[in-house]
């Protein structure tokens, strides 16, 4: 049986899923699963603040770029979120998250590969920022991304379509 992957625009009724997805990410990233039961109300407030902060950030980002803010559906199930921003020069993978129950199935990789195909046809590189401590960096490297800049708390990675291989795309005036 073939798997069916679909991207569709985020709708207001997706908010409960997006809150749960954001909570999964923040619990893992902040280690909230190790907090004592007495601290759970505080952890819930932190997760809520994180959701609101991300929503505000992406609202700002989306107002300045051509943006695709999508829900990822896999075999009819809502499984993740995908946000890409772009202009005529570059595509930015702003966010991709897959529900923990669907990780390891290649869902995120398939979405990124599809985006790479779009970048190949439009002759644009793809950029993303990632926490250097996040193990997903290994996946990005296997998919052809390379680190082009290290910043405090994040790395800028770039994937370059074959039509642009050998050309200078990312320029760092510091030479780092």
N, C-alpha and C. Protein backbone atom coordinates (compact mmCIF):
# COMPACT_ATOMS: atom_id res chain seq x y z
N UNK A 1 0.84 -1.18 0.00
CA UNK A 1 0.00 0.00 0.00
C UNK A 1 0.88 1.25 0.00
N UNK A 2 0.57 2.19 -0.84
CA UNK A 2 1.33 3.43 -0.92
C UNK A 2 0.87 4.42 0.14
N UNK A 3 1.82 5.17 0.67
CA UNK A 3 1.49 6.22 1.64
C UNK A 3 1.09 7.47 0.87
N UNK A 4 0.20 8.23 1.45
CA UNK A 4 -0.29 9.46 0.82
C UNK A 4 0.08 10.64 1.70
N UNK A 5 0.86 11.56 1.15
CA UNK A 5 1.32 12.75 1.86
C UNK A 5 0.70 13.97 1.22
N UNK A 6 0.17 14.87 2.05
CA UNK A 6 -0.51 16.06 1.53
C UNK A 6 -0.14 17.26 2.40
N UNK A 7 0.05 18.40 1.76
CA UNK A 7 0.22 19.67 2.46
C UNK A 7 -1.02 20.51 2.19
N UNK A 8 -1.54 21.12 3.23
CA UNK A 8 -2.68 22.02 3.07
C UNK A 8 -2.46 23.23 3.96
N UNK A 9 -3.08 24.36 3.63
CA UNK A 9 -2.90 25.57 4.45
C UNK A 9 -3.42 25.36 5.88
N UNK A 10 -2.74 25.97 6.83
CA UNK A 10 -3.18 25.95 8.22
C UNK A 10 -4.51 26.68 8.33
N UNK A 11 -5.43 26.11 9.08
CA UNK A 11 -6.75 26.68 9.33
C UNK A 11 -6.89 26.97 10.83
N UNK A 12 -7.78 27.89 11.21
CA UNK A 12 -7.98 28.19 12.63
C UNK A 12 -8.30 26.94 13.47
N UNK A 13 -9.01 25.99 12.90
CA UNK A 13 -9.36 24.78 13.66
C UNK A 13 -8.16 23.85 13.89
N UNK A 14 -6.99 24.18 13.32
CA UNK A 14 -5.78 23.39 13.55
C UNK A 14 -5.05 23.79 14.84
N UNK A 15 -5.50 24.87 15.48
CA UNK A 15 -4.77 25.37 16.65
C UNK A 15 -4.57 24.32 17.75
N UNK A 16 -5.57 23.51 18.12
CA UNK A 16 -5.29 22.51 19.17
C UNK A 16 -4.15 21.55 18.79
N UNK A 17 -4.13 21.10 17.54
CA UNK A 17 -3.03 20.23 17.11
C UNK A 17 -1.71 20.97 17.16
N UNK A 18 -1.69 22.22 16.67
CA UNK A 18 -0.44 22.99 16.65
C UNK A 18 0.06 23.26 18.06
N UNK A 19 -0.85 23.48 19.00
CA UNK A 19 -0.45 23.65 20.42
C UNK A 19 0.18 22.36 20.95
N UNK A 20 -0.44 21.22 20.64
CA UNK A 20 0.11 19.95 21.10
C UNK A 20 1.48 19.69 20.48
N UNK A 21 1.62 19.97 19.19
CA UNK A 21 2.90 19.78 18.51
C UNK A 21 3.98 20.67 19.11
N UNK A 22 3.64 21.94 19.34
CA UNK A 22 4.59 22.88 19.94
C UNK A 22 4.97 22.39 21.34
N UNK A 23 3.99 21.88 22.10
CA UNK A 23 4.26 21.37 23.44
C UNK A 23 5.23 20.19 23.38
N UNK A 24 5.04 19.27 22.43
CA UNK A 24 5.96 18.14 22.29
C UNK A 24 7.39 18.63 22.08
N UNK A 25 7.54 19.58 21.19
CA UNK A 25 8.87 20.10 20.87
C UNK A 25 9.49 20.77 22.09
N UNK A 26 8.70 21.62 22.77
CA UNK A 26 9.24 22.35 23.91
C UNK A 26 9.51 21.45 25.11
N UNK A 27 8.68 20.44 25.33
CA UNK A 27 8.93 19.51 26.42
C UNK A 27 10.27 18.83 26.20
N UNK A 28 10.52 18.38 24.97
CA UNK A 28 11.79 17.73 24.64
C UNK A 28 12.95 18.72 24.74
N UNK A 29 12.80 19.88 24.14
CA UNK A 29 13.89 20.87 24.07
C UNK A 29 14.25 21.43 25.44
N UNK A 30 13.23 21.66 26.27
CA UNK A 30 13.47 22.28 27.57
C UNK A 30 13.58 21.26 28.70
N UNK A 31 13.41 19.98 28.39
CA UNK A 31 13.52 18.95 29.42
C UNK A 31 12.38 18.97 30.43
N UNK A 32 11.22 19.46 30.02
CA UNK A 32 10.10 19.58 30.95
C UNK A 32 9.58 18.23 31.43
N UNK A 33 9.86 17.17 30.69
CA UNK A 33 9.40 15.85 31.11
C UNK A 33 10.09 15.39 32.39
N UNK A 34 11.16 16.05 32.78
CA UNK A 34 11.89 15.67 33.99
C UNK A 34 11.48 16.50 35.20
N UNK A 35 10.58 17.44 35.00
CA UNK A 35 10.13 18.28 36.10
C UNK A 35 9.25 17.47 37.05
N UNK A 36 9.22 17.90 38.29
CA UNK A 36 8.40 17.22 39.30
C UNK A 36 6.92 17.49 39.03
N UNK A 37 6.03 16.62 39.51
CA UNK A 37 4.59 16.84 39.29
C UNK A 37 4.11 18.19 39.84
N UNK A 38 4.73 18.67 40.90
CA UNK A 38 4.33 19.96 41.46
C UNK A 38 4.62 21.11 40.51
N UNK A 39 5.58 20.92 39.64
CA UNK A 39 5.99 21.99 38.71
C UNK A 39 5.20 21.95 37.40
N UNK A 40 4.33 20.98 37.22
CA UNK A 40 3.61 20.85 35.95
C UNK A 40 2.76 22.07 35.59
N UNK A 41 2.09 22.73 36.55
CA UNK A 41 1.36 23.94 36.16
C UNK A 41 2.29 25.02 35.56
N UNK A 42 3.48 25.16 36.13
CA UNK A 42 4.44 26.12 35.59
C UNK A 42 4.90 25.67 34.20
N UNK A 43 5.15 24.38 34.03
CA UNK A 43 5.55 23.86 32.72
C UNK A 43 4.47 24.15 31.69
N UNK A 44 3.20 23.98 32.07
CA UNK A 44 2.09 24.29 31.16
C UNK A 44 2.08 25.75 30.75
N UNK A 45 2.38 26.63 31.70
CA UNK A 45 2.43 28.07 31.37
C UNK A 45 3.59 28.37 30.43
N UNK A 46 4.72 27.71 30.64
CA UNK A 46 5.87 27.92 29.77
C UNK A 46 5.54 27.47 28.35
N UNK A 47 4.92 26.30 28.21
CA UNK A 47 4.55 25.80 26.89
C UNK A 47 3.57 26.76 26.22
N UNK A 48 2.60 27.28 26.98
CA UNK A 48 1.64 28.23 26.41
C UNK A 48 2.34 29.50 25.94
N UNK A 49 3.27 30.00 26.74
CA UNK A 49 4.03 31.20 26.34
C UNK A 49 4.86 30.93 25.09
N UNK A 50 5.45 29.75 25.02
CA UNK A 50 6.24 29.38 23.84
C UNK A 50 5.35 29.35 22.59
N UNK A 51 4.15 28.78 22.72
CA UNK A 51 3.23 28.73 21.57
C UNK A 51 2.89 30.14 21.12
N UNK A 52 2.58 31.02 22.06
CA UNK A 52 2.22 32.39 21.71
C UNK A 52 3.41 33.13 21.09
N UNK A 53 4.60 32.91 21.63
CA UNK A 53 5.79 33.57 21.08
C UNK A 53 6.06 33.10 19.65
N UNK A 54 5.96 31.80 19.41
CA UNK A 54 6.17 31.29 18.05
C UNK A 54 5.10 31.82 17.10
N UNK A 55 3.85 31.86 17.55
CA UNK A 55 2.77 32.37 16.70
C UNK A 55 3.03 33.83 16.33
N UNK A 56 3.47 34.63 17.29
CA UNK A 56 3.76 36.04 17.02
C UNK A 56 4.95 36.18 16.07
N UNK A 57 5.98 35.37 16.29
CA UNK A 57 7.16 35.42 15.43
C UNK A 57 6.78 35.06 13.99
N UNK A 58 6.05 33.96 13.81
CA UNK A 58 5.71 33.54 12.45
C UNK A 58 4.72 34.50 11.80
N UNK A 59 3.88 35.15 12.59
CA UNK A 59 2.99 36.18 12.02
C UNK A 59 3.84 37.31 11.43
N UNK A 60 4.89 37.71 12.15
CA UNK A 60 5.79 38.75 11.66
C UNK A 60 6.54 38.27 10.42
N UNK A 61 7.10 37.07 10.47
CA UNK A 61 7.85 36.53 9.34
C UNK A 61 6.96 36.45 8.10
N UNK A 62 5.74 35.94 8.28
CA UNK A 62 4.85 35.75 7.14
C UNK A 62 4.41 37.07 6.52
N UNK A 63 4.45 38.15 7.29
CA UNK A 63 4.04 39.44 6.75
C UNK A 63 5.11 40.04 5.84
N UNK A 64 6.34 39.55 5.93
CA UNK A 64 7.44 40.12 5.17
C UNK A 64 7.91 39.26 4.00
N UNK A 65 7.34 38.07 3.83
CA UNK A 65 7.79 37.14 2.80
C UNK A 65 6.59 36.49 2.12
N UNK A 66 6.84 35.91 0.96
CA UNK A 66 5.89 34.99 0.36
C UNK A 66 6.01 33.70 1.19
N UNK A 67 4.93 33.30 1.82
CA UNK A 67 4.99 32.22 2.80
C UNK A 67 3.98 31.13 2.51
N UNK A 68 4.41 29.89 2.76
CA UNK A 68 3.52 28.74 2.78
C UNK A 68 3.51 28.22 4.22
N UNK A 69 2.37 28.28 4.86
CA UNK A 69 2.20 27.78 6.23
C UNK A 69 1.25 26.61 6.12
N UNK A 70 1.78 25.41 6.26
CA UNK A 70 1.01 24.21 5.92
C UNK A 70 0.91 23.21 7.07
N UNK A 71 -0.17 22.48 7.04
CA UNK A 71 -0.35 21.28 7.86
C UNK A 71 0.10 20.11 6.99
N UNK A 72 0.83 19.19 7.58
CA UNK A 72 1.24 17.98 6.88
C UNK A 72 0.25 16.88 7.25
N UNK A 73 -0.35 16.28 6.23
CA UNK A 73 -1.24 15.13 6.44
C UNK A 73 -0.58 13.90 5.84
N UNK A 74 -0.66 12.80 6.58
CA UNK A 74 -0.08 11.54 6.14
C UNK A 74 -1.16 10.47 6.25
N UNK A 75 -1.53 9.91 5.10
CA UNK A 75 -2.62 8.91 5.05
C UNK A 75 -3.87 9.39 5.78
N UNK A 76 -4.20 10.67 5.58
CA UNK A 76 -5.42 11.24 6.15
C UNK A 76 -5.30 11.71 7.59
N UNK A 77 -4.14 11.55 8.21
CA UNK A 77 -3.93 11.99 9.59
C UNK A 77 -3.11 13.28 9.60
N UNK A 78 -3.49 14.23 10.44
CA UNK A 78 -2.69 15.44 10.63
C UNK A 78 -1.47 15.03 11.45
N UNK A 79 -0.28 15.24 10.87
CA UNK A 79 0.94 14.74 11.52
C UNK A 79 2.01 15.81 11.74
N UNK A 80 1.87 17.00 11.15
CA UNK A 80 2.93 17.97 11.33
C UNK A 80 2.61 19.33 10.75
N UNK A 81 3.62 20.19 10.84
CA UNK A 81 3.53 21.55 10.33
C UNK A 81 4.78 21.85 9.52
N UNK A 82 4.58 22.65 8.48
CA UNK A 82 5.67 23.02 7.58
C UNK A 82 5.49 24.47 7.19
N UNK A 83 6.50 25.29 7.46
CA UNK A 83 6.46 26.70 7.07
C UNK A 83 7.70 26.99 6.23
N UNK A 84 7.47 27.53 5.05
CA UNK A 84 8.56 27.96 4.19
C UNK A 84 8.29 29.40 3.77
N UNK A 85 9.35 30.21 3.81
CA UNK A 85 9.26 31.59 3.34
C UNK A 85 10.22 31.71 2.15
N UNK A 86 9.89 32.61 1.24
CA UNK A 86 10.72 32.67 0.04
C UNK A 86 10.62 34.03 -0.63
N UNK A 87 11.63 34.32 -1.42
CA UNK A 87 11.58 35.44 -2.35
C UNK A 87 12.20 34.94 -3.65
N UNK A 88 12.55 35.82 -4.54
CA UNK A 88 13.05 35.40 -5.85
C UNK A 88 14.47 34.82 -5.78
N UNK A 89 15.15 35.02 -4.65
CA UNK A 89 16.55 34.58 -4.54
C UNK A 89 16.76 33.33 -3.70
N UNK A 90 15.90 33.12 -2.67
CA UNK A 90 16.18 32.05 -1.71
C UNK A 90 14.88 31.54 -1.10
N UNK A 91 14.90 30.28 -0.69
CA UNK A 91 13.81 29.66 0.04
C UNK A 91 14.31 29.40 1.45
N UNK A 92 13.53 29.79 2.45
CA UNK A 92 13.89 29.57 3.86
C UNK A 92 12.94 28.54 4.46
N UNK A 93 13.49 27.44 4.92
CA UNK A 93 12.70 26.48 5.67
C UNK A 93 12.58 27.04 7.09
N UNK A 94 11.45 27.67 7.36
CA UNK A 94 11.27 28.37 8.63
C UNK A 94 10.93 27.40 9.76
N UNK A 95 10.15 26.35 9.47
CA UNK A 95 9.78 25.40 10.52
C UNK A 95 9.29 24.12 9.88
N UNK A 96 9.69 23.02 10.47
CA UNK A 96 9.11 21.73 10.12
C UNK A 96 9.09 20.91 11.41
N UNK A 97 7.93 20.37 11.72
CA UNK A 97 7.79 19.56 12.92
C UNK A 97 6.81 18.44 12.62
N UNK A 98 7.16 17.25 13.09
CA UNK A 98 6.32 16.07 12.89
C UNK A 98 5.97 15.52 14.27
N UNK A 99 4.70 15.20 14.46
CA UNK A 99 4.20 14.62 15.71
C UNK A 99 5.03 13.38 16.04
N UNK A 100 5.36 13.22 17.33
CA UNK A 100 6.27 12.13 17.72
C UNK A 100 5.74 10.75 17.31
N UNK A 101 4.45 10.57 17.20
CA UNK A 101 3.88 9.27 16.81
C UNK A 101 4.17 8.94 15.34
N UNK A 102 4.58 9.95 14.55
CA UNK A 102 4.81 9.73 13.13
C UNK A 102 6.26 9.99 12.73
N UNK A 103 7.14 10.19 13.69
CA UNK A 103 8.55 10.40 13.37
C UNK A 103 9.18 9.08 12.94
N UNK A 104 10.21 9.19 12.13
CA UNK A 104 10.93 8.01 11.68
C UNK A 104 10.31 7.33 10.47
N UNK A 105 9.23 7.89 9.95
CA UNK A 105 8.57 7.30 8.78
C UNK A 105 8.99 7.98 7.48
N UNK A 106 9.81 9.01 7.57
CA UNK A 106 10.26 9.73 6.38
C UNK A 106 9.34 10.85 5.95
N UNK A 107 8.39 11.23 6.81
CA UNK A 107 7.44 12.28 6.47
C UNK A 107 8.17 13.61 6.27
N UNK A 108 8.94 14.03 7.25
CA UNK A 108 9.67 15.30 7.15
C UNK A 108 10.64 15.30 5.99
N UNK A 109 11.34 14.19 5.82
CA UNK A 109 12.30 14.08 4.72
C UNK A 109 11.59 14.21 3.37
N UNK A 110 10.41 13.60 3.22
CA UNK A 110 9.68 13.69 1.96
C UNK A 110 9.25 15.13 1.67
N UNK A 111 8.82 15.85 2.71
CA UNK A 111 8.42 17.25 2.52
C UNK A 111 9.63 18.09 2.10
N UNK A 112 10.76 17.86 2.74
CA UNK A 112 11.97 18.62 2.40
C UNK A 112 12.44 18.27 0.99
N UNK A 113 12.40 16.99 0.62
CA UNK A 113 12.80 16.59 -0.73
C UNK A 113 11.92 17.25 -1.79
N UNK A 114 10.63 17.34 -1.51
CA UNK A 114 9.71 18.02 -2.43
C UNK A 114 10.08 19.49 -2.57
N UNK A 115 10.44 20.12 -1.46
CA UNK A 115 10.84 21.53 -1.49
C UNK A 115 12.16 21.69 -2.23
N UNK A 116 13.07 20.75 -2.04
CA UNK A 116 14.34 20.79 -2.79
C UNK A 116 14.08 20.71 -4.30
N UNK A 117 13.10 19.90 -4.70
CA UNK A 117 12.77 19.81 -6.13
C UNK A 117 12.26 21.15 -6.65
N UNK A 118 11.45 21.84 -5.85
CA UNK A 118 10.99 23.17 -6.24
C UNK A 118 12.17 24.13 -6.35
N UNK A 119 13.11 24.03 -5.41
CA UNK A 119 14.30 24.89 -5.44
C UNK A 119 15.16 24.59 -6.67
N UNK A 120 15.26 23.32 -7.01
CA UNK A 120 16.03 22.93 -8.19
C UNK A 120 15.44 23.56 -9.45
N UNK A 121 14.11 23.49 -9.59
CA UNK A 121 13.48 24.04 -10.80
C UNK A 121 13.51 25.56 -10.84
N UNK A 122 13.51 26.20 -9.67
CA UNK A 122 13.55 27.67 -9.64
C UNK A 122 14.97 28.22 -9.48
N UNK A 123 15.94 27.32 -9.39
CA UNK A 123 17.36 27.69 -9.25
C UNK A 123 17.59 28.60 -8.04
N UNK A 124 17.04 28.18 -6.88
CA UNK A 124 17.23 28.92 -5.65
C UNK A 124 17.76 27.99 -4.56
N UNK A 125 18.68 28.47 -3.74
CA UNK A 125 19.13 27.67 -2.60
C UNK A 125 18.07 27.66 -1.50
N UNK A 126 18.20 26.71 -0.60
CA UNK A 126 17.32 26.65 0.56
C UNK A 126 18.18 26.84 1.81
N UNK A 127 17.69 27.69 2.71
CA UNK A 127 18.36 27.94 3.99
C UNK A 127 17.47 27.49 5.13
N UNK A 128 18.09 27.15 6.24
CA UNK A 128 17.37 26.87 7.48
C UNK A 128 18.29 27.16 8.66
N UNK A 129 17.67 27.44 9.78
CA UNK A 129 18.41 27.62 11.04
C UNK A 129 18.07 26.44 11.94
N UNK A 130 19.07 25.94 12.64
CA UNK A 130 18.86 24.80 13.53
C UNK A 130 19.77 24.93 14.74
N UNK A 131 19.28 24.47 15.87
CA UNK A 131 20.07 24.42 17.10
C UNK A 131 21.19 23.40 16.88
N UNK A 132 22.44 23.79 17.11
CA UNK A 132 23.55 22.87 16.85
C UNK A 132 23.49 21.60 17.72
N UNK A 133 22.75 21.64 18.82
CA UNK A 133 22.63 20.46 19.68
C UNK A 133 21.52 19.52 19.21
N UNK A 134 20.74 19.93 18.22
CA UNK A 134 19.62 19.13 17.74
C UNK A 134 20.14 18.02 16.81
N UNK A 135 19.78 16.79 17.10
CA UNK A 135 20.27 15.66 16.30
C UNK A 135 19.76 15.68 14.86
N UNK A 136 18.76 16.51 14.56
CA UNK A 136 18.24 16.58 13.19
C UNK A 136 19.29 17.12 12.22
N UNK A 137 20.34 17.74 12.74
CA UNK A 137 21.43 18.23 11.87
C UNK A 137 21.97 17.08 11.04
N UNK A 138 22.08 15.90 11.63
CA UNK A 138 22.59 14.74 10.90
C UNK A 138 21.72 14.43 9.68
N UNK A 139 20.41 14.53 9.83
CA UNK A 139 19.50 14.31 8.70
C UNK A 139 19.73 15.36 7.63
N UNK A 140 19.82 16.63 8.05
CA UNK A 140 20.03 17.69 7.08
C UNK A 140 21.34 17.49 6.31
N UNK A 141 22.39 17.07 6.99
CA UNK A 141 23.67 16.82 6.31
C UNK A 141 23.51 15.68 5.31
N UNK A 142 22.83 14.60 5.70
CA UNK A 142 22.60 13.48 4.76
C UNK A 142 21.79 13.93 3.56
N UNK A 143 20.94 14.96 3.74
CA UNK A 143 20.11 15.46 2.64
C UNK A 143 20.83 16.51 1.80
N UNK A 144 22.12 16.77 2.10
CA UNK A 144 22.91 17.67 1.27
C UNK A 144 23.07 19.08 1.78
N UNK A 145 22.56 19.38 2.98
CA UNK A 145 22.75 20.70 3.56
C UNK A 145 24.15 20.79 4.16
N UNK A 146 24.66 22.01 4.23
CA UNK A 146 25.94 22.24 4.91
C UNK A 146 25.82 23.48 5.78
N UNK A 147 26.58 23.49 6.85
CA UNK A 147 26.60 24.65 7.74
C UNK A 147 27.41 25.74 7.06
N UNK A 148 26.82 26.94 6.94
CA UNK A 148 27.52 28.07 6.33
C UNK A 148 27.81 29.17 7.34
N UNK A 149 27.16 29.12 8.49
CA UNK A 149 27.43 30.12 9.52
C UNK A 149 27.03 29.57 10.88
N UNK A 150 27.91 29.76 11.86
CA UNK A 150 27.62 29.41 13.25
C UNK A 150 27.31 30.70 14.00
N UNK A 151 26.20 30.71 14.71
CA UNK A 151 25.79 31.85 15.51
C UNK A 151 25.51 31.34 16.92
N UNK A 152 25.45 32.23 17.90
CA UNK A 152 25.12 31.76 19.24
C UNK A 152 23.75 31.08 19.25
N UNK A 153 23.73 29.81 19.58
CA UNK A 153 22.47 29.08 19.71
C UNK A 153 21.89 28.52 18.44
N UNK A 154 22.48 28.83 17.27
CA UNK A 154 21.93 28.23 16.04
C UNK A 154 22.99 28.22 14.94
N UNK A 155 22.75 27.33 14.00
CA UNK A 155 23.60 27.22 12.81
C UNK A 155 22.74 27.51 11.59
N UNK A 156 23.29 28.28 10.65
CA UNK A 156 22.63 28.50 9.37
C UNK A 156 23.14 27.42 8.43
N UNK A 157 22.18 26.66 7.85
CA UNK A 157 22.54 25.62 6.90
C UNK A 157 21.98 25.99 5.53
N UNK A 158 22.64 25.47 4.49
CA UNK A 158 22.26 25.79 3.12
C UNK A 158 22.29 24.53 2.27
N UNK A 159 21.29 24.40 1.41
CA UNK A 159 21.29 23.38 0.36
C UNK A 159 21.28 24.13 -0.97
N UNK A 160 22.12 23.67 -1.89
CA UNK A 160 22.28 24.36 -3.17
C UNK A 160 21.87 23.42 -4.30
N UNK A 161 20.98 23.88 -5.19
CA UNK A 161 20.60 23.03 -6.33
C UNK A 161 21.79 22.77 -7.24
N UNK A 162 21.75 21.65 -7.95
CA UNK A 162 22.88 21.28 -8.82
C UNK A 162 23.20 22.36 -9.86
N UNK A 163 22.18 23.09 -10.31
CA UNK A 163 22.41 24.13 -11.31
C UNK A 163 23.23 25.30 -10.77
N UNK A 164 23.35 25.40 -9.46
CA UNK A 164 24.12 26.50 -8.85
C UNK A 164 25.39 26.02 -8.16
N UNK A 165 25.69 24.72 -8.26
CA UNK A 165 26.88 24.19 -7.61
C UNK A 165 28.12 24.94 -8.11
N UNK A 166 29.01 25.28 -7.20
CA UNK A 166 30.25 25.97 -7.56
C UNK A 166 30.13 27.48 -7.59
N UNK A 167 28.93 28.01 -7.44
CA UNK A 167 28.75 29.46 -7.42
C UNK A 167 28.71 29.94 -5.97
N UNK A 168 29.19 31.14 -5.72
CA UNK A 168 29.14 31.72 -4.39
C UNK A 168 27.72 32.20 -4.13
N UNK A 169 27.08 31.60 -3.13
CA UNK A 169 25.71 31.97 -2.81
C UNK A 169 25.62 32.66 -1.48
N UNK A 170 26.26 32.08 -0.47
CA UNK A 170 26.25 32.67 0.85
C UNK A 170 27.58 33.36 1.06
N UNK A 171 27.53 34.64 1.36
CA UNK A 171 28.76 35.41 1.54
C UNK A 171 28.84 35.88 2.97
N UNK A 172 29.91 35.53 3.65
CA UNK A 172 30.17 35.97 5.02
C UNK A 172 31.37 36.92 4.97
N UNK A 173 31.14 38.22 5.15
CA UNK A 173 32.24 39.18 5.03
C UNK A 173 33.32 38.98 6.08
N UNK A 174 33.02 38.28 7.17
CA UNK A 174 34.04 38.07 8.20
C UNK A 174 34.99 36.95 7.81
N UNK A 175 34.61 36.16 6.79
CA UNK A 175 35.48 35.08 6.36
C UNK A 175 35.39 33.85 7.25
N UNK A 176 34.46 33.85 8.20
CA UNK A 176 34.36 32.72 9.13
C UNK A 176 33.81 31.49 8.46
